């Protein structure tokens, strides 16, 4: 039993009463509890470390005044609830269409986009419910109109269309929002456009560039393909490397819920690893030479050792994986662009010679699930 659970058991009667008082909006009782038990305010419900905070309980119950009291008492407006898909109090208030509580939380410093790990960002929650006033507030406070639902890989605009909220749809469109099924308009380079179309038609729907993570290397662009049109895995791939000879692009398979970085949203090195790695490899491509199949990118290599590698990944192996089940898409002509997939490896001893060649052949035939990076811990 951890310390939080022990504290809960010691004060079970008082805490259970507090949960009821919050739900019923009994402000005076909550004030009395704050004054008597300030050390218990950060305790999650029932002492469960993954459970909701008192702030979550107040936001879900649309108790604005109690939210304000808890924030004044020092609760973090950006606390997340792991048991509820990393939701923040702002997401819960937005889902309820509670303008007053959303304003209170934002004024206290709540992130307009929620946590980077929030499965359903506040704007998506408000759009799904057709809460125009909350949508307008979040946009005014800096929420990104194209922040995706992590599990569904849908945008707030998609949610308005699925749930039938035409006024919210127009509001989002007026603020530059995109739908994930909207026609692509951001790929101007004809060669890049051809590549994107190939991936879209061969592997799975490529999201418009509005949903692509930003890159610090102006020579490349990044794109996201939903493999087989599903949401379990997605492919992050480059365009722009084909400018070097031989023409090559690089691909990384990620779990569908990998929270890729977006401008304006708090970020860390673990989430950014796929983008950072592709930026490093792009620099090597232009400054030295493109990668070829069978190349090992070692975690221990000083050029990559500072990156936040996923656990149990000792290297990435470049593989010319066939994508088209009807025909071998690895059949190349002089004008072909090699699409090399970076397959994660774990090993006790670095493979060479026949062992490496055997690994390449095995990874070529591997499923996308076996080629995906391990999701980093929140």
Protein backbone atom coordinates (compact mmCIF):
# COMPACT_ATOMS: atom_id res chain seq x y z
CA UNK A 1 0.00 0.00 0.00
CA UNK A 2 1.46 3.38 -1.00
CA UNK A 3 1.45 6.57 1.07
CA UNK A 4 -1.52 8.05 -0.82
CA UNK A 5 -3.65 5.00 -0.09
CA UNK A 6 -2.63 5.05 3.58
CA UNK A 7 -3.63 8.71 3.83
CA UNK A 8 -6.96 7.96 2.23
CA UNK A 9 -7.67 5.14 4.66
CA UNK A 10 -6.75 7.36 7.61
CA UNK A 11 -9.23 10.04 6.46
CA UNK A 12 -11.70 7.92 4.51
CA UNK A 13 -14.84 9.32 6.14
CA UNK A 14 -13.80 12.96 5.66
CA UNK A 15 -12.65 12.44 2.09
CA UNK A 16 -15.74 10.53 0.99
CA UNK A 17 -17.83 13.36 2.42
CA UNK A 18 -15.66 15.87 0.55
CA UNK A 19 -16.25 14.10 -2.78
CA UNK A 20 -20.00 14.37 -2.20
CA UNK A 21 -19.73 18.02 -1.14
CA UNK A 22 -17.84 18.86 -4.35
CA UNK A 23 -20.43 17.11 -6.52
CA UNK A 24 -23.26 18.90 -4.72
CA UNK A 25 -21.57 22.31 -4.79
CA UNK A 26 -21.39 22.77 -1.01
CA UNK A 27 -18.88 25.60 -1.03
CA UNK A 28 -18.79 26.25 2.72
CA UNK A 29 -18.04 22.60 3.46
CA UNK A 30 -15.22 22.57 0.91
CA UNK A 31 -13.75 25.76 2.40
CA UNK A 32 -13.81 24.14 5.84
CA UNK A 33 -12.02 21.04 4.52
CA UNK A 34 -9.33 23.15 2.79
CA UNK A 35 -8.65 25.00 6.03
CA UNK A 36 -8.54 21.85 8.18
CA UNK A 37 -6.78 19.39 5.84
CA UNK A 38 -4.56 21.34 3.41
CA UNK A 39 -2.16 18.37 3.25
CA UNK A 40 -4.88 16.20 1.66
CA UNK A 41 -5.76 18.48 -1.24
CA UNK A 42 -3.33 16.88 -3.71
CA UNK A 43 -4.53 13.38 -2.85
CA UNK A 44 -6.26 11.73 -5.84
CA UNK A 45 -9.68 10.19 -5.25
CA UNK A 46 -9.51 7.11 -3.02
CA UNK A 47 -5.73 7.50 -2.88
CA UNK A 48 -5.45 5.99 -6.36
CA UNK A 49 -2.39 7.57 -7.95
CA UNK A 50 -3.90 7.28 -11.43
CA UNK A 51 -7.30 8.62 -10.42
CA UNK A 52 -8.86 12.08 -10.74
CA UNK A 53 -7.81 15.00 -8.58
CA UNK A 54 -10.23 17.13 -6.61
CA UNK A 55 -9.96 19.64 -9.43
CA UNK A 56 -11.12 17.02 -11.94
CA UNK A 57 -14.10 16.19 -9.72
CA UNK A 58 -15.09 19.85 -9.44
CA UNK A 59 -14.69 20.51 -13.17
CA UNK A 60 -16.72 17.46 -14.17
CA UNK A 61 -19.50 18.62 -11.82
CA UNK A 62 -19.39 22.18 -13.27
CA UNK A 63 -18.55 23.64 -9.87
CA UNK A 64 -16.74 26.80 -10.91
CA UNK A 65 -16.49 28.35 -7.45
CA UNK A 66 -15.01 25.17 -5.98
CA UNK A 67 -12.52 24.98 -8.87
CA UNK A 68 -11.44 28.52 -8.02
CA UNK A 69 -11.00 27.59 -4.35
CA UNK A 70 -8.88 24.57 -5.18
CA UNK A 71 -6.73 26.56 -7.60
CA UNK A 72 -6.26 29.28 -4.99
CA UNK A 73 -5.21 26.56 -2.54
CA UNK A 74 -2.39 25.58 -4.93
CA UNK A 75 -3.70 22.76 -7.12
CA UNK A 76 -2.03 22.56 -10.53
CA UNK A 77 -4.52 23.46 -13.30
CA UNK A 78 -2.70 21.01 -15.61
CA UNK A 79 -2.96 17.88 -13.48
CA UNK A 80 -3.81 14.85 -15.62
CA UNK A 81 -5.87 11.79 -14.79
CA UNK A 82 -4.24 8.65 -16.15
CA UNK A 83 -7.37 6.58 -15.51
CA UNK A 84 -9.30 8.95 -17.78
CA UNK A 85 -6.96 9.02 -20.80
CA UNK A 86 -4.72 11.75 -19.35
CA UNK A 87 -7.62 14.17 -19.19
CA UNK A 88 -7.17 17.59 -17.65
CA UNK A 89 -9.83 19.50 -15.72
CA UNK A 90 -10.13 21.84 -18.71
CA UNK A 91 -11.04 18.93 -21.00
CA UNK A 92 -13.79 17.82 -18.61
CA UNK A 93 -15.20 21.33 -18.31
CA UNK A 94 -15.04 21.78 -22.09
CA UNK A 95 -16.88 18.51 -22.61
CA UNK A 96 -19.68 19.80 -20.37
CA UNK A 97 -19.81 23.11 -22.26
CA UNK A 98 -19.07 24.91 -19.00
CA UNK A 99 -17.82 28.32 -20.14
CA UNK A 100 -17.37 29.72 -16.63
CA UNK A 101 -15.23 26.83 -15.39
CA UNK A 102 -13.17 26.79 -18.59
CA UNK A 103 -12.50 30.52 -18.15
CA UNK A 104 -11.53 29.99 -14.52
CA UNK A 105 -9.07 27.23 -15.40
CA UNK A 106 -7.54 29.13 -18.33
CA UNK A 107 -7.11 32.22 -16.16
CA UNK A 108 -5.22 30.03 -13.68
CA UNK A 109 -2.80 28.82 -16.36
CA UNK A 110 -4.44 25.71 -17.79
CA UNK A 111 -2.92 24.70 -21.13
CA UNK A 112 -5.52 25.41 -23.84
CA UNK A 113 -4.58 22.17 -25.62
CA UNK A 114 -4.46 20.05 -22.49
CA UNK A 115 -1.55 17.73 -21.82
CA UNK A 116 0.47 16.48 -24.80
CA UNK A 117 -0.69 13.02 -23.66
CA UNK A 118 -4.36 13.97 -23.44
CA UNK A 119 -6.20 11.56 -25.72
CA UNK A 120 -9.04 14.02 -26.25
CA UNK A 121 -7.83 17.65 -26.27
CA UNK A 122 -10.19 20.28 -24.77
CA UNK A 123 -11.03 21.77 -28.18
CA UNK A 124 -12.00 18.34 -29.52
CA UNK A 125 -14.17 17.75 -26.43
CA UNK A 126 -15.96 21.07 -26.89
CA UNK A 127 -16.38 20.56 -30.65
CA UNK A 128 -17.74 17.05 -30.15
CA UNK A 129 -20.43 18.51 -27.90
CA UNK A 130 -21.18 21.46 -30.20
CA UNK A 131 -20.34 23.99 -27.47
CA UNK A 132 -19.69 27.03 -29.64
CA UNK A 133 -18.97 29.46 -26.80
CA UNK A 134 -16.34 27.16 -25.30
CA UNK A 135 -14.81 26.47 -28.74
CA UNK A 136 -14.54 30.22 -29.33
CA UNK A 137 -12.93 30.75 -25.91
CA UNK A 138 -10.35 28.00 -26.43
CA UNK A 139 -9.41 29.31 -29.86
CA UNK A 140 -9.09 32.82 -28.44
CA UNK A 141 -6.78 31.49 -25.71
CA UNK A 142 -4.50 29.74 -28.20
CA UNK A 143 -5.84 26.21 -28.67
CA UNK A 144 -4.62 24.71 -31.93
CA UNK A 145 -7.58 24.06 -34.25
CA UNK A 146 -5.91 20.95 -35.72
CA UNK A 147 -4.81 19.11 -32.55
CA UNK A 148 -5.74 15.46 -33.11
CA UNK A 149 -7.61 13.01 -30.92
CA UNK A 150 -4.77 10.60 -30.15
CA UNK A 151 -6.65 7.32 -30.44
CA UNK A 152 -8.88 8.22 -33.38
CA UNK A 153 -6.44 10.53 -35.20
CA UNK A 154 -9.38 12.81 -35.94
CA UNK A 155 -9.49 16.60 -35.72
CA UNK A 156 -12.01 18.82 -33.90
CA UNK A 157 -13.51 19.66 -37.32
CA UNK A 158 -13.99 15.94 -37.96
CA UNK A 159 -15.83 15.67 -34.64
CA UNK A 160 -18.31 18.38 -35.58
CA UNK A 161 -19.10 16.55 -38.81
CA UNK A 162 -19.49 13.16 -37.15
CA UNK A 163 -21.72 14.53 -34.38
CA UNK A 164 -23.65 16.96 -36.58
CA UNK A 165 -22.81 20.43 -35.27
CA UNK A 166 -22.83 22.69 -38.37
CA UNK A 167 -22.46 25.98 -36.47
CA UNK A 168 -19.39 24.65 -34.63
CA UNK A 169 -18.04 23.37 -37.94
CA UNK A 170 -18.32 26.85 -39.45
CA UNK A 171 -16.70 28.41 -36.38
CA UNK A 172 -13.71 26.09 -36.64
CA UNK A 173 -13.39 26.59 -40.39
CA UNK A 174 -13.42 30.36 -39.88
CA UNK A 175 -10.43 29.86 -37.57
CA UNK A 176 -8.43 27.81 -40.08
CA UNK A 177 -9.32 24.29 -38.92
CA UNK A 178 -8.92 21.29 -41.23
CA UNK A 179 -10.52 17.89 -41.51
CA UNK A 180 -8.32 14.83 -41.80
CA UNK A 181 -10.20 13.78 -44.95
CA UNK A 182 -9.95 17.21 -46.61
CA UNK A 183 -8.06 17.35 -49.95
CA UNK A 184 -4.35 18.04 -49.58
CA UNK A 185 -3.40 21.57 -50.57
CA UNK A 186 -0.05 22.02 -48.83
CA UNK A 187 2.31 19.90 -50.99
CA UNK A 188 3.44 22.19 -53.78
CA UNK A 189 6.54 20.34 -55.02
CA UNK A 190 5.44 17.97 -57.80
CA UNK A 191 7.88 15.21 -56.86
CA UNK A 192 6.82 15.37 -53.23
CA UNK A 193 3.18 15.37 -54.30
CA UNK A 194 3.78 12.19 -56.33
CA UNK A 195 5.39 10.52 -53.31
CA UNK A 196 2.57 11.52 -50.99
CA UNK A 197 0.00 10.20 -53.47
CA UNK A 198 1.89 6.91 -53.75
CA UNK A 199 1.90 6.41 -49.98
CA UNK A 200 -1.76 7.43 -49.76
CA UNK A 201 -2.84 4.95 -52.41
CA UNK A 202 -0.49 2.11 -51.48
CA UNK A 203 -0.22 2.15 -47.70
CA UNK A 204 -2.97 4.26 -46.16
CA UNK A 205 -4.55 7.71 -46.01
CA UNK A 206 -2.01 10.53 -45.69
CA UNK A 207 -3.22 13.32 -43.44
CA UNK A 208 -3.08 16.88 -44.81
CA UNK A 209 0.14 18.71 -43.98
CA UNK A 210 -1.74 20.80 -41.40
CA UNK A 211 -1.41 17.76 -39.12
CA UNK A 212 2.29 17.12 -39.78
CA UNK A 213 4.82 17.76 -37.03
CA UNK A 214 7.08 20.76 -37.68
CA UNK A 215 10.71 20.16 -38.56
CA UNK A 216 13.76 22.34 -38.01
CA UNK A 217 15.26 21.29 -41.34
CA UNK A 218 13.77 23.36 -44.17
CA UNK A 219 15.00 20.83 -46.77
CA UNK A 220 12.48 18.20 -45.74
CA UNK A 221 8.80 17.89 -44.89
CA UNK A 222 7.17 15.25 -42.74
CA UNK A 223 3.89 13.47 -43.40
CA UNK A 224 1.66 11.03 -41.52
CA UNK A 225 -0.01 8.03 -43.14
CA UNK A 226 -2.63 5.97 -41.28
CA UNK A 227 -1.51 2.47 -42.16
CA UNK A 228 -4.26 0.46 -43.90
CA UNK A 229 -6.62 3.34 -43.16
CA UNK A 230 -6.78 2.30 -39.49
CA UNK A 231 -5.66 4.03 -36.31
CA UNK A 232 -3.54 1.32 -34.65
CA UNK A 233 -0.32 2.38 -36.41
CA UNK A 234 0.85 5.38 -38.40
CA UNK A 235 3.84 6.00 -40.62
CA UNK A 236 5.91 9.15 -40.30
CA UNK A 237 7.77 9.68 -43.56
CA UNK A 238 9.92 12.31 -45.23
CA UNK A 239 9.78 14.10 -48.54
CA UNK A 240 12.75 16.11 -49.74
CA UNK A 241 15.56 13.60 -49.30
CA UNK A 242 15.03 12.54 -52.93
CA UNK A 243 17.04 15.64 -53.88
CA UNK A 244 20.15 13.62 -53.03
CA UNK A 245 21.36 10.69 -55.17
CA UNK A 246 20.34 7.89 -55.06
CA UNK A 247 16.82 9.14 -54.38
CA UNK A 248 15.68 7.96 -50.97
CA UNK A 249 13.05 8.75 -48.35
CA UNK A 250 12.83 7.45 -44.78
CA UNK A 251 9.87 6.05 -42.85
CA UNK A 252 9.22 5.30 -39.17
CA UNK A 253 6.30 3.18 -38.00
CA UNK A 254 4.73 4.48 -34.78
CA UNK A 255 1.87 3.37 -32.55
CA UNK A 256 -1.28 5.24 -33.58
CA UNK A 257 -1.40 7.13 -30.27
CA UNK A 258 2.18 8.44 -30.43
CA UNK A 259 1.77 12.16 -29.54
CA UNK A 260 3.87 13.74 -32.26
CA UNK A 261 4.96 17.31 -31.51
CA UNK A 262 2.93 20.27 -32.71
CA UNK A 263 3.86 23.93 -32.59
CA UNK A 264 2.68 25.64 -29.42
CA UNK A 265 2.16 22.43 -27.40
CA UNK A 266 4.54 21.50 -24.56
CA UNK A 267 7.02 18.95 -25.84
CA UNK A 268 9.74 16.65 -24.55
CA UNK A 269 12.60 14.70 -26.07
CA UNK A 270 10.88 11.29 -25.86
CA UNK A 271 7.83 12.35 -27.86
CA UNK A 272 10.02 14.23 -30.31
CA UNK A 273 12.40 11.31 -30.93
CA UNK A 274 10.99 10.31 -34.37
CA UNK A 275 11.20 13.89 -35.66
CA UNK A 276 14.64 14.52 -34.15
CA UNK A 277 16.02 11.30 -35.61
CA UNK A 278 14.70 12.04 -39.10
CA UNK A 279 16.18 15.55 -38.92
CA UNK A 280 19.60 14.09 -38.04
CA UNK A 281 19.39 11.54 -40.83
CA UNK A 282 18.35 14.23 -43.29
CA UNK A 283 21.44 16.24 -42.43
CA UNK A 284 23.62 13.16 -42.99
CA UNK A 285 21.87 12.48 -46.30
CA UNK A 286 22.61 15.95 -47.65
CA UNK A 287 26.07 16.32 -46.14
CA UNK A 288 27.37 12.80 -46.77
CA UNK A 289 25.17 10.31 -48.68
CA UNK A 290 21.72 8.73 -48.54
CA UNK A 291 21.28 5.62 -46.44
CA UNK A 292 21.09 2.24 -48.13
CA UNK A 293 19.29 -0.92 -47.11
CA UNK A 294 21.01 -2.82 -44.30
CA UNK A 295 22.43 0.25 -42.57
CA UNK A 296 22.40 0.16 -38.77
CA UNK A 297 21.72 3.39 -36.91
CA UNK A 298 23.14 2.61 -33.50
CA UNK A 299 21.92 4.08 -30.24
CA UNK A 300 25.56 4.19 -29.14
CA UNK A 301 26.65 6.24 -32.17
CA UNK A 302 27.80 9.65 -30.87
CA UNK A 303 25.76 11.32 -33.63
CA UNK A 304 22.53 9.92 -32.13
CA UNK A 305 23.38 9.01 -28.52
CA UNK A 306 21.89 12.21 -27.09
CA UNK A 307 18.42 11.47 -28.50
CA UNK A 308 15.72 10.04 -26.21
CA UNK A 309 15.65 6.53 -27.66
CA UNK A 310 12.70 4.27 -26.81
CA UNK A 311 13.39 1.59 -24.22
CA UNK A 312 14.86 -1.71 -25.44
CA UNK A 313 15.82 -0.20 -28.80
CA UNK A 314 19.54 -0.62 -29.47
CA UNK A 315 19.44 0.36 -33.13
CA UNK A 316 17.30 1.01 -36.17
CA UNK A 317 17.84 -1.03 -39.32
CA UNK A 318 17.05 0.34 -42.78
CA UNK A 319 14.78 -2.06 -44.66
CA UNK A 320 13.33 -1.81 -48.17
CA UNK A 321 9.98 -3.27 -47.11
CA UNK A 322 7.45 -4.07 -49.87
CA UNK A 323 4.18 -2.22 -49.24
CA UNK A 324 2.02 -3.39 -52.11
CA UNK A 325 0.68 -6.88 -51.41
CA UNK A 326 -0.33 -7.38 -55.04
CA UNK A 327 3.12 -6.62 -56.43
CA UNK A 328 6.61 -6.17 -55.11
CA UNK A 329 6.92 -2.42 -54.58
CA UNK A 330 10.67 -2.91 -54.16
CA UNK A 331 11.13 -3.34 -57.92
CA UNK A 332 13.10 -0.22 -58.80
CA UNK A 333 13.98 1.70 -61.93
CA UNK A 334 16.68 4.38 -62.30
CA UNK A 335 14.04 7.02 -61.50
CA UNK A 336 12.69 5.21 -58.44
CA UNK A 337 12.72 6.65 -54.95
CA UNK A 338 13.74 4.13 -52.30
CA UNK A 339 11.35 4.20 -49.33
CA UNK A 340 13.43 2.80 -46.49
CA UNK A 341 11.70 1.80 -43.27
CA UNK A 342 13.66 2.18 -40.04
CA UNK A 343 13.03 -1.04 -38.10
CA UNK A 344 13.79 -1.10 -34.35
CA UNK A 345 16.19 -3.75 -33.03
CA UNK A 346 17.21 -5.02 -29.61
CA UNK A 347 20.31 -7.19 -29.33
CA UNK A 348 23.03 -8.36 -26.97
CA UNK A 349 25.65 -8.26 -29.73
CA UNK A 350 25.60 -5.98 -32.77
CA UNK A 351 24.74 -8.11 -35.85
CA UNK A 352 27.15 -8.23 -38.78
CA UNK A 353 27.65 -10.27 -41.96
CA UNK A 354 25.20 -13.11 -42.44
CA UNK A 355 23.37 -12.32 -39.19
CA UNK A 356 22.70 -8.80 -40.40
CA UNK A 357 21.58 -9.98 -43.84
CA UNK A 358 19.21 -12.46 -42.20
CA UNK A 359 17.78 -9.68 -40.04
CA UNK A 360 17.15 -7.49 -43.09
CA UNK A 361 15.27 -10.30 -44.83
CA UNK A 362 13.22 -11.02 -41.72
CA UNK A 363 12.33 -7.38 -41.16
CA UNK A 364 11.29 -6.99 -44.81
CA UNK A 365 8.58 -9.56 -44.15
CA UNK A 366 7.63 -8.25 -40.72
CA UNK A 367 4.22 -6.79 -39.94
CA UNK A 368 3.86 -3.10 -39.21
CA UNK A 369 3.23 -4.01 -35.57
CA UNK A 370 6.65 -5.65 -35.32
CA UNK A 371 8.26 -2.65 -37.06
CA UNK A 372 6.75 -0.03 -34.76
CA UNK A 373 8.71 1.88 -32.16
CA UNK A 374 7.74 1.32 -28.53
CA UNK A 375 5.50 4.08 -27.18
CA UNK A 376 7.40 6.26 -24.66
CA UNK A 377 6.15 6.54 -21.11
CA UNK A 378 4.11 9.67 -20.29
